[in-house]
Amino acid sequence: MITVRKLKLTIVGDEQTRKEQYKIIRDEQYKQYKALNLCMTLINTHNILNSYNTGSENKLSSQIEKLDNKI
């Protein structure tokens, strides 16, 4: 079972420092979401491409085998 806890961050400091620190946190979250979306896209693409097996590999190997038999 996975347990998830929500954190509430409060940055102590002057207004400029708080804005900079919150910007860093937002940028890092954005980068994490972007990386996760990229990985999920790659996984789904891999699954879709593997589910549509056209049999071209089997056809090619059978054609090569027929040519070898003729030779």
PDB file of N, CA and C in Angstrom:
ATOM      1  N   MET A   1       0.835  -1.171   0.000  1.00  0.00           N
ATOM      2  CA  MET A   1       0.000   0.000   0.000  1.00  0.00           C
ATOM      3  C   MET A   1       0.885   1.242   0.000  1.00  0.00           C
ATOM      4  N   ILE A   2       0.535   2.201  -0.816  1.00  0.00           N
ATOM      5  CA  ILE A   2       1.304   3.437  -0.923  1.00  0.00           C
ATOM      6  C   ILE A   2       0.600   4.511  -0.099  1.00  0.00           C
ATOM      7  N   THR A   3       1.369   5.148   0.765  1.00  0.00           N
ATOM      8  CA  THR A   3       0.828   6.232   1.576  1.00  0.00           C
ATOM      9  C   THR A   3       1.313   7.556   1.021  1.00  0.00           C
ATOM     10  N   VAL A   4       0.399   8.488   0.876  1.00  0.00           N
ATOM     11  CA  VAL A   4       0.739   9.795   0.327  1.00  0.00           C
ATOM     12  C   VAL A   4       0.380  10.845   1.366  1.00  0.00           C
ATOM     13  N   ARG A   5       1.274  11.785   1.563  1.00  0.00           N
ATOM     14  CA  ARG A   5       1.016  12.887   2.491  1.00  0.00           C
ATOM     15  C   ARG A   5       1.182  14.200   1.767  1.00  0.00           C
ATOM     16  N   LYS A   6       0.290  15.107   2.035  1.00  0.00           N
ATOM     17  CA  LYS A   6       0.342  16.424   1.434  1.00  0.00           C
ATOM     18  C   LYS A   6       1.149  17.342   2.350  1.00  0.00           C
ATOM     19  N   LEU A   7       2.087  18.049   1.781  1.00  0.00           N
ATOM     20  CA  LEU A   7       2.927  18.966   2.546  1.00  0.00           C
ATOM     21  C   LEU A   7       2.521  20.399   2.262  1.00  0.00           C
ATOM     22  N   LYS A   8       2.584  21.219   3.262  1.00  0.00           N
ATOM     23  CA  LYS A   8       2.342  22.638   3.079  1.00  0.00           C
ATOM     24  C   LYS A   8       3.639  23.363   3.411  1.00  0.00           C
ATOM     25  N   LEU A   9       4.167  24.075   2.417  1.00  0.00           N
ATOM     26  CA  LEU A   9       5.426  24.782   2.596  1.00  0.00           C
ATOM     27  C   LEU A   9       5.172  26.247   2.871  1.00  0.00           C
ATOM     28  N   THR A  10       5.908  26.775   3.823  1.00  0.00           N
ATOM     29  CA  THR A  10       5.860  28.201   4.106  1.00  0.00           C
ATOM     30  C   THR A  10       7.296  28.696   4.112  1.00  0.00           C
ATOM     31  N   ILE A  11       7.580  29.637   3.258  1.00  0.00           N
ATOM     32  CA  ILE A  11       8.929  30.174   3.159  1.00  0.00           C
ATOM     33  C   ILE A  11       8.986  31.460   3.972  1.00  0.00           C
ATOM     34  N   VAL A  12       9.950  31.496   4.884  1.00  0.00           N
ATOM     35  CA  VAL A  12      10.099  32.655   5.755  1.00  0.00           C
ATOM     36  C   VAL A  12      11.166  33.564   5.155  1.00  0.00           C
ATOM     37  N   GLY A  13      10.865  34.825   5.042  1.00  0.00           N
ATOM     38  CA  GLY A  13      11.817  35.786   4.505  1.00  0.00           C
ATOM     39  C   GLY A  13      11.077  36.975   3.932  1.00  0.00           C
ATOM     40  N   ASP A  14      11.857  37.850   3.333  1.00  0.00           N
ATOM     41  CA  ASP A  14      11.214  39.023   2.731  1.00  0.00           C
ATOM     42  C   ASP A  14      10.481  38.621   1.449  1.00  0.00           C
ATOM     43  N   GLU A  15       9.725  39.550   0.895  1.00  0.00           N
ATOM     44  CA  GLU A  15       8.854  39.267  -0.256  1.00  0.00           C
ATOM     45  C   GLU A  15       9.631  38.764  -1.476  1.00  0.00           C
ATOM     46  N   GLN A  16      10.768  39.371  -1.751  1.00  0.00           N
ATOM     47  CA  GLN A  16      11.570  38.986  -2.916  1.00  0.00           C
ATOM     48  C   GLN A  16      12.105  37.553  -2.766  1.00  0.00           C
ATOM     49  N   THR A  17      12.586  37.208  -1.585  1.00  0.00           N
ATOM     50  CA  THR A  17      13.100  35.862  -1.335  1.00  0.00           C
ATOM     51  C   THR A  17      11.988  34.827  -1.485  1.00  0.00           C
ATOM     52  N   ARG A  18      10.814  35.131  -0.952  1.00  0.00           N
ATOM     53  CA  ARG A  18       9.699  34.200  -1.048  1.00  0.00           C
ATOM     54  C   ARG A  18       9.305  33.969  -2.501  1.00  0.00           C
ATOM     55  N   LYS A  19       9.253  35.042  -3.301  1.00  0.00           N
ATOM     56  CA  LYS A  19       8.899  34.895  -4.710  1.00  0.00           C
ATOM     57  C   LYS A  19       9.906  34.029  -5.447  1.00  0.00           C
ATOM     58  N   GLU A  20      11.200  34.240  -5.175  1.00  0.00           N
ATOM     59  CA  GLU A  20      12.243  33.450  -5.837  1.00  0.00           C
ATOM     60  C   GLU A  20      12.150  31.980  -5.445  1.00  0.00           C
ATOM     61  N   GLN A  21      11.952  31.701  -4.164  1.00  0.00           N
ATOM     62  CA  GLN A  21      11.887  30.316  -3.702  1.00  0.00           C
ATOM     63  C   GLN A  21      10.649  29.604  -4.244  1.00  0.00           C
ATOM     64  N   TYR A  22       9.500  30.283  -4.245  1.00  0.00           N
ATOM     65  CA  TYR A  22       8.296  29.677  -4.810  1.00  0.00           C
ATOM     66  C   TYR A  22       8.445  29.439  -6.308  1.00  0.00           C
ATOM     67  N   LYS A  23       9.146  30.323  -7.000  1.00  0.00           N
ATOM     68  CA  LYS A  23       9.382  30.139  -8.434  1.00  0.00           C
ATOM     69  C   LYS A  23      10.237  28.893  -8.671  1.00  0.00           C
ATOM     70  N   ILE A  24      11.240  28.683  -7.826  1.00  0.00           N
ATOM     71  CA  ILE A  24      12.087  27.487  -7.944  1.00  0.00           C
ATOM     72  C   ILE A  24      11.243  26.228  -7.754  1.00  0.00           C
ATOM     73  N   ILE A  25      10.365  26.239  -6.753  1.00  0.00           N
ATOM     74  CA  ILE A  25       9.515  25.072  -6.501  1.00  0.00           C
ATOM     75  C   ILE A  25       8.580  24.822  -7.684  1.00  0.00           C
ATOM     76  N   ARG A  26       7.960  25.861  -8.212  1.00  0.00           N
ATOM     77  CA  ARG A  26       7.053  25.705  -9.366  1.00  0.00           C
ATOM     78  C   ARG A  26       7.798  25.185 -10.590  1.00  0.00           C
ATOM     79  N   ASP A  27       8.995  25.714 -10.830  1.00  0.00           N
ATOM     80  CA  ASP A  27       9.775  25.261 -11.985  1.00  0.00           C
ATOM     81  C   ASP A  27      10.152  23.787 -11.858  1.00  0.00           C
ATOM     82  N   GLU A  28      10.532  23.361 -10.660  1.00  0.00           N
ATOM     83  CA  GLU A  28      10.901  21.964 -10.457  1.00  0.00           C
ATOM     84  C   GLU A  28       9.695  21.045 -10.611  1.00  0.00           C
ATOM     85  N   GLN A  29       8.533  21.454 -10.119  1.00  0.00           N
ATOM     86  CA  GLN A  29       7.330  20.653 -10.312  1.00  0.00           C
ATOM     87  C   GLN A  29       6.992  20.540 -11.798  1.00  0.00           C
ATOM     88  N   TYR A  30       7.134  21.631 -12.520  1.00  0.00           N
ATOM     89  CA  TYR A  30       6.861  21.611 -13.949  1.00  0.00           C
ATOM     90  C   TYR A  30       7.795  20.632 -14.664  1.00  0.00           C
ATOM     91  N   LYS A  31       9.072  20.655 -14.307  1.00  0.00           N
ATOM     92  CA  LYS A  31      10.032  19.741 -14.928  1.00  0.00           C
ATOM     93  C   LYS A  31       9.701  18.282 -14.600  1.00  0.00           C
ATOM     94  N   GLN A  32       9.261  18.024 -13.365  1.00  0.00           N
ATOM     95  CA  GLN A  32       8.891  16.658 -12.995  1.00  0.00           C
ATOM     96  C   GLN A  32       7.672  16.189 -13.779  1.00  0.00           C
ATOM     97  N   TYR A  33       6.660  17.034 -13.895  1.00  0.00           N
ATOM     98  CA  TYR A  33       5.467  16.668 -14.661  1.00  0.00           C
ATOM     99  C   TYR A  33       5.804  16.443 -16.124  1.00  0.00           C
ATOM    100  N   LYS A  34       6.666  17.273 -16.677  1.00  0.00           N
ATOM    101  CA  LYS A  34       7.063  17.139 -18.077  1.00  0.00           C
ATOM    102  C   LYS A  34       7.797  15.816 -18.305  1.00  0.00           C
ATOM    103  N   ALA A  35       8.702  15.456 -17.393  1.00  0.00           N
ATOM    104  CA  ALA A  35       9.436  14.196 -17.509  1.00  0.00           C
ATOM    105  C   ALA A  35       8.499  13.007 -17.369  1.00  0.00           C
ATOM    106  N   LEU A  36       7.556  13.087 -16.435  1.00  0.00           N
ATOM    107  CA  LEU A  36       6.603  11.998 -16.255  1.00  0.00           C
ATOM    108  C   LEU A  36       5.733  11.820 -17.491  1.00  0.00           C
ATOM    109  N   ASN A  37       5.273  12.914 -18.079  1.00  0.00           N
ATOM    110  CA  ASN A  37       4.472  12.831 -19.298  1.00  0.00           C
ATOM    111  C   ASN A  37       5.260  12.227 -20.443  1.00  0.00           C
ATOM    112  N   LEU A  38       6.528  12.581 -20.561  1.00  0.00           N
ATOM    113  CA  LEU A  38       7.370  12.018 -21.612  1.00  0.00           C
ATOM    114  C   LEU A  38       7.537  10.515 -21.424  1.00  0.00           C
ATOM    115  N   CYS A  39       7.789  10.096 -20.197  1.00  0.00           N
ATOM    116  CA  CYS A  39       7.963   8.663 -19.929  1.00  0.00           C
ATOM    117  C   CYS A  39       6.686   7.878 -20.198  1.00  0.00           C
ATOM    118  N   MET A  40       5.552   8.431 -19.768  1.00  0.00           N
ATOM    119  CA  MET A  40       4.289   7.738 -20.013  1.00  0.00           C
ATOM    120  C   MET A  40       3.986   7.654 -21.506  1.00  0.00           C
ATOM    121  N   THR A  41       4.338   8.684 -22.253  1.00  0.00           N
ATOM    122  CA  THR A  41       4.149   8.666 -23.700  1.00  0.00           C
ATOM    123  C   THR A  41       5.003   7.579 -24.338  1.00  0.00           C
ATOM    124  N   LEU A  42       6.244   7.472 -23.904  1.00  0.00           N
ATOM    125  CA  LEU A  42       7.127   6.447 -24.461  1.00  0.00           C
ATOM    126  C   LEU A  42       6.641   5.039 -24.126  1.00  0.00           C
ATOM    127  N   ILE A  43       6.172   4.844 -22.900  1.00  0.00           N
ATOM    128  CA  ILE A  43       5.663   3.526 -22.512  1.00  0.00           C
ATOM    129  C   ILE A  43       4.426   3.169 -23.329  1.00  0.00           C
ATOM    130  N   ASN A  44       3.497   4.111 -23.477  1.00  0.00           N
ATOM    131  CA  ASN A  44       2.287   3.831 -24.252  1.00  0.00           C
ATOM    132  C   ASN A  44       2.602   3.586 -25.720  1.00  0.00           C
ATOM    133  N   THR A  45       3.533   4.353 -26.279  1.00  0.00           N
ATOM    134  CA  THR A  45       3.919   4.148 -27.672  1.00  0.00           C
ATOM    135  C   THR A  45       4.537   2.766 -27.860  1.00  0.00           C
ATOM    136  N   HIS A  46       5.371   2.372 -26.934  1.00  0.00           N
ATOM    137  CA  HIS A  46       5.995   1.047 -27.001  1.00  0.00           C
ATOM    138  C   HIS A  46       4.926  -0.047 -26.948  1.00  0.00           C
ATOM    139  N   ASN A  47       3.970   0.091 -26.044  1.00  0.00           N
ATOM    140  CA  ASN A  47       2.904  -0.911 -25.936  1.00  0.00           C
ATOM    141  C   ASN A  47       2.045  -0.963 -27.186  1.00  0.00           C
ATOM    142  N   ILE A  48       1.724   0.181 -27.749  1.00  0.00           N
ATOM    143  CA  ILE A  48       0.896   0.214 -28.957  1.00  0.00           C
ATOM    144  C   ILE A  48       1.633  -0.412 -30.135  1.00  0.00           C
ATOM    145  N   LEU A  49       2.914  -0.071 -30.286  1.00  0.00           N
ATOM    146  CA  LEU A  49       3.668  -0.631 -31.407  1.00  0.00           C
ATOM    147  C   LEU A  49       3.837  -2.138 -31.270  1.00  0.00           C
ATOM    148  N   ASN A  50       3.989  -2.630 -30.060  1.00  0.00           N
ATOM    149  CA  ASN A  50       4.134  -4.075 -29.879  1.00  0.00           C
ATOM    150  C   ASN A  50       2.809  -4.811 -30.005  1.00  0.00           C
ATOM    151  N   SER A  51       1.690  -4.140 -29.755  1.00  0.00           N
ATOM    152  CA  SER A  51       0.402  -4.819 -29.860  1.00  0.00           C
ATOM    153  C   SER A  51      -0.003  -5.021 -31.322  1.00  0.00           C
ATOM    154  N   TYR A  52       0.482  -4.193 -32.218  1.00  0.00           N
ATOM    155  CA  TYR A  52       0.162  -4.326 -33.640  1.00  0.00           C
ATOM    156  C   TYR A  52       1.286  -5.060 -34.363  1.00  0.00           C
ATOM    157  N   ASN A  53       1.413  -6.321 -34.083  1.00  0.00           N
ATOM    158  CA  ASN A  53       2.424  -7.139 -34.742  1.00  0.00           C
ATOM    159  C   ASN A  53       1.887  -7.528 -36.112  1.00  0.00           C
ATOM    160  N   THR A  54       2.514  -6.988 -37.161  1.00  0.00           N
ATOM    161  CA  THR A  54       2.011  -7.216 -38.515  1.00  0.00           C
ATOM    162  C   THR A  54       2.449  -8.559 -39.083  1.00  0.00           C
ATOM    163  N   GLY A  55       3.392  -9.194 -38.468  1.00  0.00           N
ATOM    164  CA  GLY A  55       3.868 -10.465 -38.989  1.00  0.00           C
ATOM    165  C   GLY A  55       4.875 -10.315 -40.101  1.00  0.00           C
ATOM    166  N   SER A  56       5.339  -9.109 -40.340  1.00  0.00           N
ATOM    167  CA  SER A  56       6.300  -8.894 -41.423  1.00  0.00           C
ATOM    168  C   SER A  56       7.629  -9.591 -41.141  1.00  0.00           C
ATOM    169  N   GLU A  57       7.981  -9.738 -39.865  1.00  0.00           N
ATOM    170  CA  GLU A  57       9.227 -10.439 -39.540  1.00  0.00           C
ATOM    171  C   GLU A  57       9.125 -11.916 -39.911  1.00  0.00           C
ATOM    172  N   ASN A  58       7.965 -12.505 -39.625  1.00  0.00           N
ATOM    173  CA  ASN A  58       7.767 -13.917 -39.972  1.00  0.00           C
ATOM    174  C   ASN A  58       7.736 -14.101 -41.484  1.00  0.00           C
ATOM    175  N   LYS A  59       7.098 -13.184 -42.192  1.00  0.00           N
ATOM    176  CA  LYS A  59       7.021 -13.268 -43.653  1.00  0.00           C
ATOM    177  C   LYS A  59       8.411 -13.157 -44.268  1.00  0.00           C
ATOM    178  N   LEU A  60       9.217 -12.227 -43.760  1.00  0.00           N
ATOM    179  CA  LEU A  60      10.566 -12.049 -44.274  1.00  0.00           C
ATOM    180  C   LEU A  60      11.424 -13.286 -44.020  1.00  0.00           C
ATOM    181  N   SER A  61      11.329 -13.845 -42.823  1.00  0.00           N
ATOM    182  CA  SER A  61      12.141 -15.036 -42.535  1.00  0.00           C
ATOM    183  C   SER A  61      11.694 -16.222 -43.383  1.00  0.00           C
ATOM    184  N   SER A  62      10.394 -16.355 -43.661  1.00  0.00           N
ATOM    185  CA  SER A  62       9.938 -17.461 -44.512  1.00  0.00           C
ATOM    186  C   SER A  62      10.401 -17.258 -45.954  1.00  0.00           C
ATOM    187  N   GLN A  63      10.420 -16.011 -46.436  1.00  0.00           N
ATOM    188  CA  GLN A  63      10.922 -15.750 -47.785  1.00  0.00           C
ATOM    189  C   GLN A  63      12.412 -16.058 -47.886  1.00  0.00           C
ATOM    190  N   ILE A  64      13.167 -15.725 -46.883  1.00  0.00           N
ATOM    191  CA  ILE A  64      14.608 -16.022 -46.884  1.00  0.00           C
ATOM    192  C   ILE A  64      14.807 -17.533 -46.870  1.00  0.00           C
ATOM    193  N   GLU A  65      14.007 -18.238 -46.093  1.00  0.00           N
ATOM    194  CA  GLU A  65      14.122 -19.691 -46.014  1.00  0.00           C
ATOM    195  C   GLU A  65      13.794 -20.323 -47.371  1.00  0.00           C
ATOM    196  N   LYS A  66      12.787 -19.823 -48.080  1.00  0.00           N
ATOM    197  CA  LYS A  66      12.415 -20.350 -49.402  1.00  0.00           C
ATOM    198  C   LYS A  66      13.554 -20.113 -50.397  1.00  0.00           C
ATOM    199  N   LEU A  67      14.157 -18.917 -50.341  1.00  0.00           N
ATOM    200  CA  LEU A  67      15.283 -18.635 -51.238  1.00  0.00           C
ATOM    201  C   LEU A  67      16.469 -19.542 -50.944  1.00  0.00           C
ATOM    202  N   ASP A  68      16.715 -19.802 -49.669  1.00  0.00           N
ATOM    203  CA  ASP A  68      17.818 -20.716 -49.300  1.00  0.00           C
ATOM    204  C   ASP A  68      17.556 -22.110 -49.819  1.00  0.00           C
ATOM    205  N   ASN A  69      16.300 -22.551 -49.787  1.00  0.00           N
ATOM    206  CA  ASN A  69      15.971 -23.884 -50.277  1.00  0.00           C
ATOM    207  C   ASN A  69      16.148 -23.970 -51.785  1.00  0.00           C
ATOM    208  N   LYS A  70      15.840 -22.903 -52.510  1.00  0.00           N
ATOM    209  CA  LYS A  70      16.008 -22.904 -53.955  1.00  0.00           C
ATOM    210  C   LYS A  70      17.477 -22.939 -54.355  1.00  0.00           C
ATOM    211  N   ILE A  71      18.311 -22.311 -53.543  1.00  0.00           N
ATOM    212  CA  ILE A  71      19.739 -22.276 -53.857  1.00  0.00           C
ATOM    213  C   ILE A  71      20.310 -23.622 -53.571  1.00  0.00           C
TER     214      ILE A  71
END
